[in-house]
Amino acid sequence: MKALEASKGIFTPDGMMPEGGPETVLTIPSEFSKNVKGKQIDLSRTYTTEFVKNAR
């Protein structure tokens, strides 16, 4: 519960990932994962906000 409470600040109130969020998230595996590092990843094919929009 403490960890969840402490991490609440990383989430937006509406549940949407902010502009540039997917690119920022991709930087982590791009540095450490041999499956991602050096690869060109089309985020438009891997990420969508449709679930959040439909859940509202």
PDB file of N, CA and C in Angstrom:
ATOM      1  N   MET A   1       0.828  -1.188   0.000  1.00  0.00           N
ATOM      2  CA  MET A   1       0.000   0.000   0.000  1.00  0.00           C
ATOM      3  C   MET A   1       0.877   1.259   0.000  1.00  0.00           C
ATOM      4  N   LYS A   2       1.968   1.206   0.752  1.00  0.00           N
ATOM      5  CA  LYS A   2       2.847   2.374   0.799  1.00  0.00           C
ATOM      6  C   LYS A   2       3.462   2.656  -0.571  1.00  0.00           C
ATOM      7  N   ALA A   3       3.874   1.588  -1.264  1.00  0.00           N
ATOM      8  CA  ALA A   3       4.488   1.759  -2.581  1.00  0.00           C
ATOM      9  C   ALA A   3       3.476   2.327  -3.572  1.00  0.00           C
ATOM     10  N   LEU A   4       2.251   1.839  -3.536  1.00  0.00           N
ATOM     11  CA  LEU A   4       1.215   2.346  -4.422  1.00  0.00           C
ATOM     12  C   LEU A   4       0.917   3.813  -4.121  1.00  0.00           C
ATOM     13  N   GLU A   5       0.795   4.127  -2.865  1.00  0.00           N
ATOM     14  CA  GLU A   5       0.534   5.515  -2.460  1.00  0.00           C
ATOM     15  C   GLU A   5       1.671   6.430  -2.921  1.00  0.00           C
ATOM     16  N   ALA A   6       2.917   5.966  -2.774  1.00  0.00           N
ATOM     17  CA  ALA A   6       4.070   6.777  -3.152  1.00  0.00           C
ATOM     18  C   ALA A   6       4.170   6.970  -4.659  1.00  0.00           C
ATOM     19  N   SER A   7       3.645   6.024  -5.433  1.00  0.00           N
ATOM     20  CA  SER A   7       3.782   6.118  -6.883  1.00  0.00           C
ATOM     21  C   SER A   7       2.580   6.764  -7.568  1.00  0.00           C
ATOM     22  N   LYS A   8       1.574   7.147  -6.839  1.00  0.00           N
ATOM     23  CA  LYS A   8       0.389   7.738  -7.448  1.00  0.00           C
ATOM     24  C   LYS A   8       0.702   8.972  -8.286  1.00  0.00           C
ATOM     25  N   GLY A   9       1.731   9.684  -7.955  1.00  0.00           N
ATOM     26  CA  GLY A   9       2.094  10.893  -8.681  1.00  0.00           C
ATOM     27  C   GLY A   9       2.522  10.657 -10.118  1.00  0.00           C
ATOM     28  N   ILE A  10       2.873   9.423 -10.469  1.00  0.00           N
ATOM     29  CA  ILE A  10       3.297   9.165 -11.848  1.00  0.00           C
ATOM     30  C   ILE A  10       2.114   8.979 -12.787  1.00  0.00           C
ATOM     31  N   PHE A  11       0.915   8.884 -12.238  1.00  0.00           N
ATOM     32  CA  PHE A  11      -0.278   8.678 -13.048  1.00  0.00           C
ATOM     33  C   PHE A  11      -1.039   9.991 -13.236  1.00  0.00           C
ATOM     34  N   THR A  12      -1.627  10.156 -14.413  1.00  0.00           N
ATOM     35  CA  THR A  12      -2.423  11.352 -14.670  1.00  0.00           C
ATOM     36  C   THR A  12      -3.831  11.144 -14.113  1.00  0.00           C
ATOM     37  N   PRO A  13      -4.510  12.209 -13.731  1.00  0.00           N
ATOM     38  CA  PRO A  13      -5.857  12.082 -13.162  1.00  0.00           C
ATOM     39  C   PRO A  13      -6.867  11.415 -14.101  1.00  0.00           C
ATOM     40  N   ASP A  14      -6.692  11.617 -15.411  1.00  0.00           N
ATOM     41  CA  ASP A  14      -7.652  11.042 -16.355  1.00  0.00           C
ATOM     42  C   ASP A  14      -7.239   9.675 -16.895  1.00  0.00           C
ATOM     43  N   GLY A  15      -6.088   9.166 -16.486  1.00  0.00           N
ATOM     44  CA  GLY A  15      -5.639   7.847 -16.919  1.00  0.00           C
ATOM     45  C   GLY A  15      -4.946   7.823 -18.268  1.00  0.00           C
ATOM     46  N   MET A  16      -4.862   8.968 -18.918  1.00  0.00           N
ATOM     47  CA  MET A  16      -4.220   9.035 -20.233  1.00  0.00           C
ATOM     48  C   MET A  16      -2.714   9.237 -20.067  1.00  0.00           C
ATOM     49  N   MET A  17      -1.955   8.597 -20.942  1.00  0.00           N
ATOM     50  CA  MET A  17      -0.522   8.821 -20.932  1.00  0.00           C
ATOM     51  C   MET A  17      -0.264  10.178 -21.574  1.00  0.00           C
ATOM     52  N   PRO A  18       0.573  11.011 -20.964  1.00  0.00           N
ATOM     53  CA  PRO A  18       0.815  12.341 -21.530  1.00  0.00           C
ATOM     54  C   PRO A  18       1.562  12.271 -22.858  1.00  0.00           C
ATOM     55  N   GLU A  19       1.464  13.339 -23.619  1.00  0.00           N
ATOM     56  CA  GLU A  19       2.182  13.461 -24.882  1.00  0.00           C
ATOM     57  C   GLU A  19       3.658  13.146 -24.654  1.00  0.00           C
ATOM     58  N   GLY A  20       4.223  12.310 -25.471  1.00  0.00           N
ATOM     59  CA  GLY A  20       5.632  11.932 -25.340  1.00  0.00           C
ATOM     60  C   GLY A  20       5.869  10.802 -24.356  1.00  0.00           C
ATOM     61  N   GLY A  21       4.831  10.375 -23.646  1.00  0.00           N
ATOM     62  CA  GLY A  21       4.974   9.309 -22.659  1.00  0.00           C
ATOM     63  C   GLY A  21       5.459   7.996 -23.235  1.00  0.00           C
ATOM     64  N   PRO A  22       4.846   7.510 -24.320  1.00  0.00           N
ATOM     65  CA  PRO A  22       5.309   6.232 -24.885  1.00  0.00           C
ATOM     66  C   PRO A  22       6.782   6.276 -25.306  1.00  0.00           C
ATOM     67  N   GLU A  23       7.208   7.386 -25.859  1.00  0.00           N
ATOM     68  CA  GLU A  23       8.611   7.515 -26.253  1.00  0.00           C
ATOM     69  C   GLU A  23       9.523   7.467 -25.037  1.00  0.00           C
ATOM     70  N   THR A  24       9.097   8.113 -23.968  1.00  0.00           N
ATOM     71  CA  THR A  24       9.887   8.103 -22.734  1.00  0.00           C
ATOM     72  C   THR A  24       9.978   6.689 -22.163  1.00  0.00           C
ATOM     73  N   VAL A  25       8.858   5.981 -22.149  1.00  0.00           N
ATOM     74  CA  VAL A  25       8.842   4.605 -21.633  1.00  0.00           C
ATOM     75  C   VAL A  25       9.739   3.709 -22.478  1.00  0.00           C
ATOM     76  N   LEU A  26       9.762   3.906 -23.775  1.00  0.00           N
ATOM     77  CA  LEU A  26      10.571   3.082 -24.668  1.00  0.00           C
ATOM     78  C   LEU A  26      12.069   3.241 -24.421  1.00  0.00           C
ATOM     79  N   THR A  27      12.488   4.364 -23.861  1.00  0.00           N
ATOM     80  CA  THR A  27      13.921   4.571 -23.645  1.00  0.00           C
ATOM     81  C   THR A  27      14.522   3.545 -22.688  1.00  0.00           C
ATOM     82  N   ILE A  28      13.738   3.046 -21.748  1.00  0.00           N
ATOM     83  CA  ILE A  28      14.271   2.096 -20.768  1.00  0.00           C
ATOM     84  C   ILE A  28      14.655   0.765 -21.421  1.00  0.00           C
ATOM     85  N   PRO A  29      13.727   0.060 -22.098  1.00  0.00           N
ATOM     86  CA  PRO A  29      14.161  -1.191 -22.725  1.00  0.00           C
ATOM     87  C   PRO A  29      15.142  -0.963 -23.874  1.00  0.00           C
ATOM     88  N   SER A  30      15.117   0.226 -24.469  1.00  0.00           N
ATOM     89  CA  SER A  30      16.062   0.524 -25.549  1.00  0.00           C
ATOM     90  C   SER A  30      17.494   0.528 -25.048  1.00  0.00           C
ATOM     91  N   GLU A  31      17.680   0.780 -23.780  1.00  0.00           N
ATOM     92  CA  GLU A  31      19.019   0.786 -23.192  1.00  0.00           C
ATOM     93  C   GLU A  31      19.467  -0.599 -22.725  1.00  0.00           C
ATOM     94  N   PHE A  32      18.532  -1.448 -22.299  1.00  0.00           N
ATOM     95  CA  PHE A  32      18.907  -2.677 -21.619  1.00  0.00           C
ATOM     96  C   PHE A  32      18.476  -3.978 -22.290  1.00  0.00           C
ATOM     97  N   SER A  33      17.513  -3.952 -23.172  1.00  0.00           N
ATOM     98  CA  SER A  33      16.993  -5.183 -23.761  1.00  0.00           C
ATOM     99  C   SER A  33      17.583  -5.431 -25.141  1.00  0.00           C
ATOM    100  N   LYS A  34      18.187  -6.603 -25.319  1.00  0.00           N
ATOM    101  CA  LYS A  34      18.744  -6.927 -26.631  1.00  0.00           C
ATOM    102  C   LYS A  34      17.641  -7.072 -27.675  1.00  0.00           C
ATOM    103  N   ASN A  35      16.409  -7.324 -27.247  1.00  0.00           N
ATOM    104  CA  ASN A  35      15.282  -7.435 -28.178  1.00  0.00           C
ATOM    105  C   ASN A  35      14.803  -6.075 -28.679  1.00  0.00           C
ATOM    106  N   VAL A  36      15.171  -5.012 -27.974  1.00  0.00           N
ATOM    107  CA  VAL A  36      14.693  -3.671 -28.319  1.00  0.00           C
ATOM    108  C   VAL A  36      15.843  -2.761 -28.742  1.00  0.00           C
ATOM    109  N   LYS A  37      16.969  -2.897 -28.107  1.00  0.00           N
ATOM    110  CA  LYS A  37      18.119  -2.016 -28.349  1.00  0.00           C
ATOM    111  C   LYS A  37      18.503  -1.992 -29.832  1.00  0.00           C
ATOM    112  N   GLY A  38      18.570  -0.782 -30.376  1.00  0.00           N
ATOM    113  CA  GLY A  38      18.965  -0.599 -31.763  1.00  0.00           C
ATOM    114  C   GLY A  38      17.861  -0.878 -32.774  1.00  0.00           C
ATOM    115  N   LYS A  39      16.685  -1.240 -32.307  1.00  0.00           N
ATOM    116  CA  LYS A  39      15.568  -1.550 -33.207  1.00  0.00           C
ATOM    117  C   LYS A  39      14.707  -0.312 -33.419  1.00  0.00           C
ATOM    118  N   GLN A  40      14.127  -0.217 -34.580  1.00  0.00           N
ATOM    119  CA  GLN A  40      13.179   0.847 -34.885  1.00  0.00           C
ATOM    120  C   GLN A  40      11.789   0.345 -34.488  1.00  0.00           C
ATOM    121  N   ILE A  41      11.154   0.987 -33.522  1.00  0.00           N
ATOM    122  CA  ILE A  41       9.857   0.539 -33.029  1.00  0.00           C
ATOM    123  C   ILE A  41       8.805   1.587 -33.371  1.00  0.00           C
ATOM    124  N   ASP A  42       7.773   1.153 -34.064  1.00  0.00           N
ATOM    125  CA  ASP A  42       6.669   2.032 -34.443  1.00  0.00           C
ATOM    126  C   ASP A  42       5.659   2.033 -33.296  1.00  0.00           C
ATOM    127  N   LEU A  43       5.733   3.043 -32.442  1.00  0.00           N
ATOM    128  CA  LEU A  43       4.856   3.097 -31.267  1.00  0.00           C
ATOM    129  C   LEU A  43       3.386   3.199 -31.640  1.00  0.00           C
ATOM    130  N   SER A  44       3.069   3.697 -32.806  1.00  0.00           N
ATOM    131  CA  SER A  44       1.666   3.770 -33.215  1.00  0.00           C
ATOM    132  C   SER A  44       1.062   2.380 -33.403  1.00  0.00           C
ATOM    133  N   ARG A  45       1.918   1.377 -33.529  1.00  0.00           N
ATOM    134  CA  ARG A  45       1.432   0.001 -33.671  1.00  0.00           C
ATOM    135  C   ARG A  45       1.454  -0.755 -32.347  1.00  0.00           C
ATOM    136  N   THR A  46       2.012  -0.140 -31.307  1.00  0.00           N
ATOM    137  CA  THR A  46       2.140  -0.833 -30.028  1.00  0.00           C
ATOM    138  C   THR A  46       1.390  -0.156 -28.889  1.00  0.00           C
ATOM    139  N   TYR A  47       0.911   1.052 -29.115  1.00  0.00           N
ATOM    140  CA  TYR A  47       0.310   1.830 -28.035  1.00  0.00           C
ATOM    141  C   TYR A  47      -0.924   2.559 -28.541  1.00  0.00           C
ATOM    142  N   THR A  48      -1.967   2.560 -27.728  1.00  0.00           N
ATOM    143  CA  THR A  48      -3.190   3.274 -28.057  1.00  0.00           C
ATOM    144  C   THR A  48      -3.842   3.786 -26.770  1.00  0.00           C
ATOM    145  N   THR A  49      -4.615   4.829 -26.886  1.00  0.00           N
ATOM    146  CA  THR A  49      -5.367   5.353 -25.740  1.00  0.00           C
ATOM    147  C   THR A  49      -6.830   4.917 -25.790  1.00  0.00           C
ATOM    148  N   GLU A  50      -7.177   4.060 -26.738  1.00  0.00           N
ATOM    149  CA  GLU A  50      -8.570   3.662 -26.930  1.00  0.00           C
ATOM    150  C   GLU A  50      -9.209   3.041 -25.686  1.00  0.00           C
ATOM    151  N   PHE A  51      -8.488   2.208 -24.954  1.00  0.00           N
ATOM    152  CA  PHE A  51      -9.043   1.576 -23.767  1.00  0.00           C
ATOM    153  C   PHE A  51      -9.486   2.631 -22.758  1.00  0.00           C
ATOM    154  N   VAL A  52      -8.623   3.608 -22.499  1.00  0.00           N
ATOM    155  CA  VAL A  52      -8.947   4.652 -21.538  1.00  0.00           C
ATOM    156  C   VAL A  52     -10.126   5.491 -22.031  1.00  0.00           C
ATOM    157  N   LYS A  53     -10.108   5.845 -23.312  1.00  0.00           N
ATOM    158  CA  LYS A  53     -11.219   6.624 -23.866  1.00  0.00           C
ATOM    159  C   LYS A  53     -12.536   5.882 -23.727  1.00  0.00           C
ATOM    160  N   ASN A  54     -12.537   4.593 -24.011  1.00  0.00           N
ATOM    161  CA  ASN A  54     -13.761   3.799 -23.928  1.00  0.00           C
ATOM    162  C   ASN A  54     -14.202   3.523 -22.495  1.00  0.00           C
ATOM    163  N   ALA A  55     -13.259   3.524 -21.575  1.00  0.00           N
ATOM    164  CA  ALA A  55     -13.566   3.253 -20.168  1.00  0.00           C
ATOM    165  C   ALA A  55     -14.232   4.437 -19.488  1.00  0.00           C
ATOM    166  N   ARG A  56     -14.044   5.615 -20.042  1.00  0.00           N
ATOM    167  CA  ARG A  56     -14.623   6.809 -19.422  1.00  0.00           C
ATOM    168  C   ARG A  56     -16.087   6.771 -19.542  1.00  0.00           C
TER     169      ARG A  56
END
